[in-house]
Protein backbone atom coordinates (compact mmCIF):
# COMPACT_ATOMS: atom_id res chain seq x y z
CA MET A 1 0.24 -0.37 -0.11
CA PRO A 2 1.43 3.35 -0.97
CA THR A 3 2.38 5.67 1.75
CA VAL A 4 1.71 9.39 1.24
CA HIS A 5 3.83 12.28 2.75
CA TYR A 6 3.22 15.74 2.96
CA GLN A 7 4.17 18.96 4.35
CA LEU A 8 1.76 21.28 6.42
CA ARG A 9 2.35 24.98 7.33
CA TRP A 10 1.17 25.69 10.94
CA PRO A 11 -0.14 29.04 12.26
CA ASP A 12 3.04 30.11 13.49
CA GLY A 13 4.77 29.24 10.27
CA SER A 14 6.41 25.87 11.33
CA VAL A 15 6.36 23.23 9.12
CA ALA A 16 5.79 19.31 9.61
CA ARG A 17 6.41 16.10 7.64
CA CYS A 18 3.07 14.03 7.90
CA HIS A 19 2.29 10.65 6.35
CA SER A 20 -0.72 8.80 5.44
CA PRO A 21 -0.69 4.99 5.07
CA SER A 22 -2.92 5.33 2.05
CA THR A 23 -3.61 7.64 -0.90
CA VAL A 24 -7.14 8.30 0.47
CA ILE A 25 -5.71 11.60 2.42
CA ARG A 26 -5.31 12.56 -1.61
CA HIS A 27 -9.35 12.93 -1.50
CA TYR A 28 -9.57 15.01 1.63
CA LEU A 29 -6.59 17.43 1.37
CA ALA A 30 -5.03 19.39 -2.05
CA PRO A 31 -1.45 20.60 -2.43
CA HIS A 32 -0.83 24.36 -2.03
CA THR A 33 -4.09 25.04 -0.27
CA ARG A 34 -5.01 27.09 2.65
CA TYR A 35 -7.78 25.70 5.22
CA PRO A 36 -9.02 27.13 8.34
CA LEU A 37 -7.69 25.22 11.34
CA ALA A 38 -11.10 23.70 11.99
CA ARG A 39 -11.87 22.96 8.33
CA PHE A 40 -8.40 21.01 8.13
CA MET A 41 -8.83 18.94 11.39
CA GLU A 42 -12.33 18.17 10.28
CA LEU A 43 -11.13 16.80 7.10
CA ALA A 44 -8.30 14.89 8.89
CA ARG A 45 -10.68 13.24 11.43
CA GLU A 46 -12.66 11.88 8.24
CA ALA A 47 -9.49 10.80 6.22
CA TYR A 48 -7.28 8.91 8.53
CA PRO A 49 -9.80 6.66 9.83
CA ARG A 50 -10.58 5.96 6.41
CA ALA A 51 -7.13 5.57 5.60
CA SER A 52 -6.84 2.75 8.34
CA GLU A 53 -9.51 1.03 7.26
CA ARG A 54 -8.41 0.85 3.68
CA VAL A 55 -5.28 -0.61 5.10
CA ARG A 56 -7.59 -3.41 6.82
CA GLU A 57 -9.05 -4.14 3.43
CA VAL A 58 -5.92 -4.86 2.27
CA TYR A 59 -4.27 -6.39 5.07
CA GLY A 60 -6.44 -7.60 7.51
CA TYR A 61 -5.75 -5.03 10.13
CA ALA A 62 -6.20 -1.15 11.07
CA CYS A 63 -2.82 0.50 10.58
CA SER A 64 -1.85 2.63 13.78
CA SER A 65 0.19 4.79 11.94
CA ALA A 66 -2.95 6.47 10.93
CA ALA A 67 -4.11 6.95 14.32
CA ASP A 68 -0.98 7.85 15.50
CA GLN A 69 -0.25 10.91 12.95
CA LEU A 70 -4.01 11.89 13.72
CA GLU A 71 -3.33 12.51 17.61
CA VAL A 72 0.18 14.67 16.50
CA LEU A 73 -2.28 16.79 14.28
CA GLU A 74 -4.69 17.25 16.98
CA ARG A 75 -2.23 17.89 19.45
CA GLU A 76 -0.50 20.67 17.42
CA ALA A 77 -3.92 22.04 16.29
CA ALA A 78 -4.50 22.32 19.90
CA ARG A 79 -2.05 25.09 19.93
CA PHE A 80 -3.89 27.32 17.97
CA ALA A 81 -7.53 26.67 19.04
CA ASP A 82 -7.25 30.32 20.74
CA GLN A 83 -7.01 31.73 17.09
CA PRO A 84 -10.05 31.98 15.36
CA ASP A 85 -8.63 32.85 11.86
CA ALA A 86 -5.99 29.96 12.03
CA GLU A 87 -4.95 28.05 9.06
CA VAL A 88 -3.07 25.47 8.21
CA GLU A 89 -1.44 25.41 4.45
CA VAL A 90 -0.99 22.03 2.64
CA LEU A 91 2.49 22.51 0.84
CA ASP A 92 3.01 19.58 -0.97
CA LEU A 93 1.14 16.28 -1.22
CA ALA A 94 3.52 13.37 -2.96
């Protein structure tokens, strides 16, 4: 199953390298696109369980790295929860 790596720019300008265990993420996020933080997290909360389920369909077990990556995103997003205009930019999606 192909892994998809992508980079995000958080509201503070920091860049993070992220991954998805499935190409499903490409149905949710677009490269070179800014998302309001809440919308980005909404999409991530939909995409990562679907990615994990896709791994289950192929290999017979869920992907713990999908849950781990979503947890990292949740933790990072919480840092900006008090910023109503916070945006996340998807820099690339390979």
